[in-house]
Amino acid sequence: MPDDVPAAQAEFVRTRRGAMGADLMQRFYVDLSDGRDLIRDEEGVEAASLEEVLDQAERVIAETLLGDDPDDRHGNWTLVIRSAAGAILAMLPFLGES
């Protein structure tokens, strides 16, 4: 996997942390996979709901695909959202340029 791929995952975590409030109750983990390798989110993010995490994940995917760094736009990726217990709650595939 390219070294800069974790940047999308790191941006997601930074964005979520900046938006967190005191009454958020659930921890979610957002992993990044290219189908072969998995970059696990070891810290997780707190959010009021899965829908909130999905909304933010979709924004990060769009920003990554439209961003200035062409290396971020290559490959087929999936964001895998897990619960604190480890259950997979959602998978968001996104296709980069070939």
N, C-alpha and C. Protein backbone atom coordinates (compact mmCIF):
# COMPACT_ATOMS: atom_id res chain seq x y z
N MET A 1 0.83 -1.18 0.00
CA MET A 1 0.00 0.00 0.00
C MET A 1 0.87 1.24 0.00
N PRO A 2 0.49 2.29 -0.69
CA PRO A 2 1.28 3.51 -0.68
C PRO A 2 1.35 4.09 0.73
N ASP A 3 2.48 4.74 1.04
CA ASP A 3 2.67 5.31 2.37
C ASP A 3 1.66 6.38 2.71
N ASP A 4 1.13 7.09 1.72
CA ASP A 4 0.25 8.20 2.01
C ASP A 4 -1.21 7.79 2.18
N VAL A 5 -1.56 6.52 2.00
CA VAL A 5 -2.94 6.08 2.15
C VAL A 5 -3.46 6.31 3.56
N PRO A 6 -2.68 6.07 4.60
CA PRO A 6 -3.22 6.33 5.93
C PRO A 6 -3.62 7.78 6.16
N ALA A 7 -3.21 8.68 5.30
CA ALA A 7 -3.58 10.09 5.45
C ALA A 7 -5.10 10.26 5.42
N ALA A 8 -5.80 9.53 4.57
CA ALA A 8 -7.26 9.63 4.52
C ALA A 8 -7.86 9.18 5.84
N GLN A 9 -7.35 8.10 6.38
CA GLN A 9 -7.85 7.61 7.66
C GLN A 9 -7.51 8.60 8.77
N ALA A 10 -6.30 9.15 8.77
CA ALA A 10 -5.91 10.11 9.79
C ALA A 10 -6.76 11.37 9.71
N GLU A 11 -7.07 11.82 8.51
CA GLU A 11 -7.92 13.01 8.33
C GLU A 11 -9.31 12.75 8.89
N PHE A 12 -9.82 11.55 8.69
CA PHE A 12 -11.13 11.20 9.23
C PHE A 12 -11.11 11.31 10.75
N VAL A 13 -10.07 10.76 11.38
CA VAL A 13 -9.96 10.79 12.84
C VAL A 13 -9.83 12.23 13.33
N ARG A 14 -8.98 13.04 12.69
CA ARG A 14 -8.80 14.43 13.11
C ARG A 14 -10.11 15.21 12.99
N THR A 15 -10.84 15.00 11.90
CA THR A 15 -12.09 15.72 11.68
C THR A 15 -13.12 15.32 12.73
N ARG A 16 -13.21 14.06 13.01
CA ARG A 16 -14.18 13.59 14.00
C ARG A 16 -13.83 14.11 15.39
N ARG A 17 -12.57 14.11 15.74
CA ARG A 17 -12.19 14.60 17.07
C ARG A 17 -12.54 16.07 17.22
N GLY A 18 -12.38 16.84 16.16
CA GLY A 18 -12.68 18.26 16.22
C GLY A 18 -14.17 18.53 16.39
N ALA A 19 -15.01 17.59 15.96
CA ALA A 19 -16.45 17.80 16.03
C ALA A 19 -17.09 17.14 17.25
N MET A 20 -16.31 16.46 18.06
CA MET A 20 -16.87 15.72 19.19
C MET A 20 -17.40 16.66 20.26
N GLY A 21 -18.49 16.27 20.85
CA GLY A 21 -19.06 17.00 21.97
C GLY A 21 -19.06 16.13 23.21
N ALA A 22 -19.49 16.69 24.32
CA ALA A 22 -19.40 15.99 25.60
C ALA A 22 -20.39 14.84 25.70
N ASP A 23 -21.54 14.89 25.01
CA ASP A 23 -22.53 13.84 25.20
C ASP A 23 -22.51 12.77 24.13
N LEU A 24 -21.42 12.61 23.41
CA LEU A 24 -21.31 11.51 22.46
C LEU A 24 -21.00 10.25 23.24
N MET A 25 -21.65 9.16 22.83
CA MET A 25 -21.61 8.00 23.69
C MET A 25 -20.97 6.75 23.10
N GLN A 26 -20.87 6.63 21.83
CA GLN A 26 -20.40 5.38 21.22
C GLN A 26 -19.03 5.58 20.58
N ARG A 27 -18.23 4.53 20.63
CA ARG A 27 -16.93 4.55 19.97
C ARG A 27 -17.02 3.65 18.74
N PHE A 28 -16.55 4.21 17.62
CA PHE A 28 -16.51 3.49 16.36
C PHE A 28 -15.06 3.47 15.87
N TYR A 29 -14.72 2.44 15.13
CA TYR A 29 -13.38 2.31 14.55
C TYR A 29 -13.52 2.28 13.04
N VAL A 30 -12.67 3.05 12.36
CA VAL A 30 -12.76 3.17 10.90
C VAL A 30 -11.46 2.65 10.31
N ASP A 31 -11.52 1.42 9.79
CA ASP A 31 -10.37 0.79 9.18
C ASP A 31 -10.36 1.09 7.68
N LEU A 32 -9.21 0.96 7.08
CA LEU A 32 -9.05 1.19 5.65
C LEU A 32 -8.44 -0.06 5.02
N SER A 33 -9.07 -0.56 3.96
CA SER A 33 -8.59 -1.78 3.31
C SER A 33 -8.54 -1.59 1.80
N ASP A 34 -7.54 -2.23 1.19
CA ASP A 34 -7.47 -2.25 -0.27
C ASP A 34 -7.81 -3.64 -0.81
N GLY A 35 -8.37 -4.49 0.03
CA GLY A 35 -8.71 -5.86 -0.36
C GLY A 35 -7.63 -6.86 -0.03
N ARG A 36 -6.40 -6.37 0.16
CA ARG A 36 -5.28 -7.24 0.55
C ARG A 36 -4.79 -6.89 1.94
N ASP A 37 -4.59 -5.61 2.16
CA ASP A 37 -4.06 -5.13 3.42
C ASP A 37 -5.13 -4.35 4.17
N LEU A 38 -5.00 -4.34 5.48
CA LEU A 38 -5.94 -3.63 6.33
C LEU A 38 -5.16 -2.69 7.25
N ILE A 39 -5.53 -1.43 7.25
CA ILE A 39 -4.96 -0.47 8.18
C ILE A 39 -6.01 -0.30 9.28
N ARG A 40 -5.71 -0.83 10.45
CA ARG A 40 -6.68 -0.80 11.55
C ARG A 40 -6.63 0.52 12.29
N ASP A 41 -7.79 1.01 12.61
CA ASP A 41 -7.94 2.19 13.46
C ASP A 41 -7.86 1.71 14.90
N GLU A 42 -6.78 2.03 15.57
CA GLU A 42 -6.57 1.57 16.95
C GLU A 42 -7.18 2.52 17.98
N GLU A 43 -7.45 3.77 17.60
CA GLU A 43 -7.96 4.76 18.55
C GLU A 43 -9.47 4.89 18.51
N GLY A 44 -10.03 4.84 17.32
CA GLY A 44 -11.47 5.01 17.17
C GLY A 44 -11.90 6.46 17.29
N VAL A 45 -13.17 6.67 17.04
CA VAL A 45 -13.78 8.00 17.16
C VAL A 45 -15.08 7.84 17.93
N GLU A 46 -15.47 8.88 18.62
CA GLU A 46 -16.76 8.86 19.31
C GLU A 46 -17.78 9.60 18.48
N ALA A 47 -18.99 9.05 18.45
CA ALA A 47 -20.08 9.68 17.71
C ALA A 47 -21.40 9.29 18.36
N ALA A 48 -22.42 10.09 18.10
CA ALA A 48 -23.74 9.83 18.67
C ALA A 48 -24.41 8.64 17.99
N SER A 49 -24.03 8.37 16.72
CA SER A 49 -24.71 7.29 15.99
C SER A 49 -23.83 6.82 14.83
N LEU A 50 -24.18 5.65 14.32
CA LEU A 50 -23.52 5.13 13.13
C LEU A 50 -23.76 6.07 11.96
N GLU A 51 -24.95 6.64 11.85
CA GLU A 51 -25.26 7.56 10.75
C GLU A 51 -24.31 8.75 10.74
N GLU A 52 -23.97 9.25 11.92
CA GLU A 52 -23.03 10.37 12.01
C GLU A 52 -21.66 9.97 11.48
N VAL A 53 -21.22 8.78 11.82
CA VAL A 53 -19.92 8.28 11.34
C VAL A 53 -19.97 8.09 9.83
N LEU A 54 -21.05 7.54 9.32
CA LEU A 54 -21.19 7.33 7.88
C LEU A 54 -21.18 8.64 7.12
N ASP A 55 -21.88 9.64 7.63
CA ASP A 55 -21.88 10.96 6.98
C ASP A 55 -20.47 11.52 6.89
N GLN A 56 -19.74 11.46 7.98
CA GLN A 56 -18.38 11.98 7.99
C GLN A 56 -17.47 11.16 7.07
N ALA A 57 -17.64 9.85 7.07
CA ALA A 57 -16.82 8.99 6.21
C ALA A 57 -17.05 9.32 4.74
N GLU A 58 -18.30 9.56 4.36
CA GLU A 58 -18.59 9.90 2.97
C GLU A 58 -17.95 11.23 2.58
N ARG A 59 -17.92 12.19 3.50
CA ARG A 59 -17.26 13.47 3.21
C ARG A 59 -15.75 13.27 3.03
N VAL A 60 -15.15 12.44 3.87
CA VAL A 60 -13.70 12.20 3.77
C VAL A 60 -13.38 11.49 2.46
N ILE A 61 -14.20 10.54 2.06
CA ILE A 61 -13.98 9.85 0.79
C ILE A 61 -14.03 10.86 -0.36
N ALA A 62 -15.05 11.71 -0.36
CA ALA A 62 -15.17 12.71 -1.43
C ALA A 62 -13.97 13.65 -1.45
N GLU A 63 -13.55 14.12 -0.28
CA GLU A 63 -12.40 15.01 -0.21
C GLU A 63 -11.13 14.32 -0.70
N THR A 64 -10.99 13.05 -0.37
CA THR A 64 -9.80 12.29 -0.79
C THR A 64 -9.78 12.14 -2.31
N LEU A 65 -10.91 11.78 -2.89
CA LEU A 65 -10.97 11.57 -4.33
C LEU A 65 -10.85 12.86 -5.12
N LEU A 66 -11.24 13.98 -4.52
CA LEU A 66 -11.18 15.27 -5.21
C LEU A 66 -9.97 16.10 -4.79
N GLY A 67 -9.15 15.56 -3.89
CA GLY A 67 -8.03 16.31 -3.34
C GLY A 67 -6.90 16.54 -4.32
N ASP A 68 -5.91 17.28 -3.86
CA ASP A 68 -4.77 17.67 -4.70
C ASP A 68 -3.74 16.58 -4.89
N ASP A 69 -3.70 15.59 -4.00
CA ASP A 69 -2.67 14.56 -4.07
C ASP A 69 -3.14 13.42 -4.97
N PRO A 70 -2.55 13.27 -6.17
CA PRO A 70 -3.01 12.22 -7.09
C PRO A 70 -2.79 10.82 -6.55
N ASP A 71 -1.83 10.63 -5.66
CA ASP A 71 -1.60 9.30 -5.09
C ASP A 71 -2.77 8.84 -4.24
N ASP A 72 -3.51 9.77 -3.65
CA ASP A 72 -4.67 9.42 -2.82
C ASP A 72 -5.84 8.91 -3.66
N ARG A 73 -5.81 9.15 -4.97
CA ARG A 73 -6.95 8.81 -5.82
C ARG A 73 -6.79 7.47 -6.54
N HIS A 74 -5.72 6.75 -6.29
CA HIS A 74 -5.48 5.49 -6.99
C HIS A 74 -5.91 4.31 -6.14
N GLY A 75 -6.44 3.29 -6.81
CA GLY A 75 -6.78 2.04 -6.16
C GLY A 75 -8.23 1.96 -5.74
N ASN A 76 -8.59 0.78 -5.32
CA ASN A 76 -9.93 0.50 -4.83
C ASN A 76 -9.84 0.31 -3.32
N TRP A 77 -10.57 1.10 -2.58
CA TRP A 77 -10.48 1.13 -1.14
C TRP A 77 -11.83 0.88 -0.50
N THR A 78 -11.81 0.44 0.73
CA THR A 78 -13.02 0.28 1.51
C THR A 78 -12.77 0.80 2.91
N LEU A 79 -13.65 1.68 3.38
CA LEU A 79 -13.65 2.04 4.79
C LEU A 79 -14.55 1.03 5.49
N VAL A 80 -14.02 0.41 6.53
CA VAL A 80 -14.75 -0.58 7.30
C VAL A 80 -15.02 0.02 8.68
N ILE A 81 -16.29 0.17 9.03
CA ILE A 81 -16.65 0.78 10.30
C ILE A 81 -17.04 -0.33 11.27
N ARG A 82 -16.32 -0.34 12.41
CA ARG A 82 -16.54 -1.37 13.43
C ARG A 82 -17.06 -0.75 14.72
N SER A 83 -17.78 -1.56 15.48
CA SER A 83 -18.20 -1.15 16.82
C SER A 83 -17.05 -1.36 17.79
N ALA A 84 -17.22 -0.89 19.03
CA ALA A 84 -16.21 -1.10 20.06
C ALA A 84 -16.02 -2.59 20.34
N ALA A 85 -17.06 -3.38 20.09
CA ALA A 85 -16.98 -4.83 20.30
C ALA A 85 -16.33 -5.54 19.12
N GLY A 86 -16.06 -4.81 18.04
CA GLY A 86 -15.40 -5.40 16.89
C GLY A 86 -16.31 -5.83 15.76
N ALA A 87 -17.61 -5.68 15.94
CA ALA A 87 -18.56 -6.07 14.88
C ALA A 87 -18.48 -5.08 13.72
N ILE A 88 -18.48 -5.60 12.50
CA ILE A 88 -18.50 -4.74 11.32
C ILE A 88 -19.92 -4.19 11.16
N LEU A 89 -20.02 -2.87 11.18
CA LEU A 89 -21.31 -2.20 11.09
C LEU A 89 -21.61 -1.70 9.69
N ALA A 90 -20.57 -1.35 8.94
CA ALA A 90 -20.76 -0.83 7.59
C ALA A 90 -19.46 -0.93 6.82
N MET A 91 -19.59 -1.02 5.51
CA MET A 91 -18.43 -1.01 4.61
C MET A 91 -18.74 -0.03 3.50
N LEU A 92 -17.82 0.93 3.30
CA LEU A 92 -18.00 1.94 2.27
C LEU A 92 -16.90 1.82 1.24
N PRO A 93 -17.17 1.13 0.13
CA PRO A 93 -16.15 1.02 -0.92
C PRO A 93 -16.07 2.32 -1.71
N PHE A 94 -14.87 2.64 -2.15
CA PHE A 94 -14.71 3.77 -3.06
C PHE A 94 -13.61 3.44 -4.05
N LEU A 95 -13.87 3.78 -5.31
CA LEU A 95 -12.96 3.47 -6.40
C LEU A 95 -12.17 4.69 -6.78
N GLY A 96 -10.88 4.53 -6.80
CA GLY A 96 -10.02 5.60 -7.26
C GLY A 96 -9.76 5.46 -8.75
N GLU A 97 -8.86 6.27 -9.25
CA GLU A 97 -8.47 6.18 -10.66
C GLU A 97 -7.63 4.93 -10.86
N SER A 98 -7.67 4.40 -12.04
CA SER A 98 -6.87 3.21 -12.36
C SER A 98 -5.47 3.59 -12.73
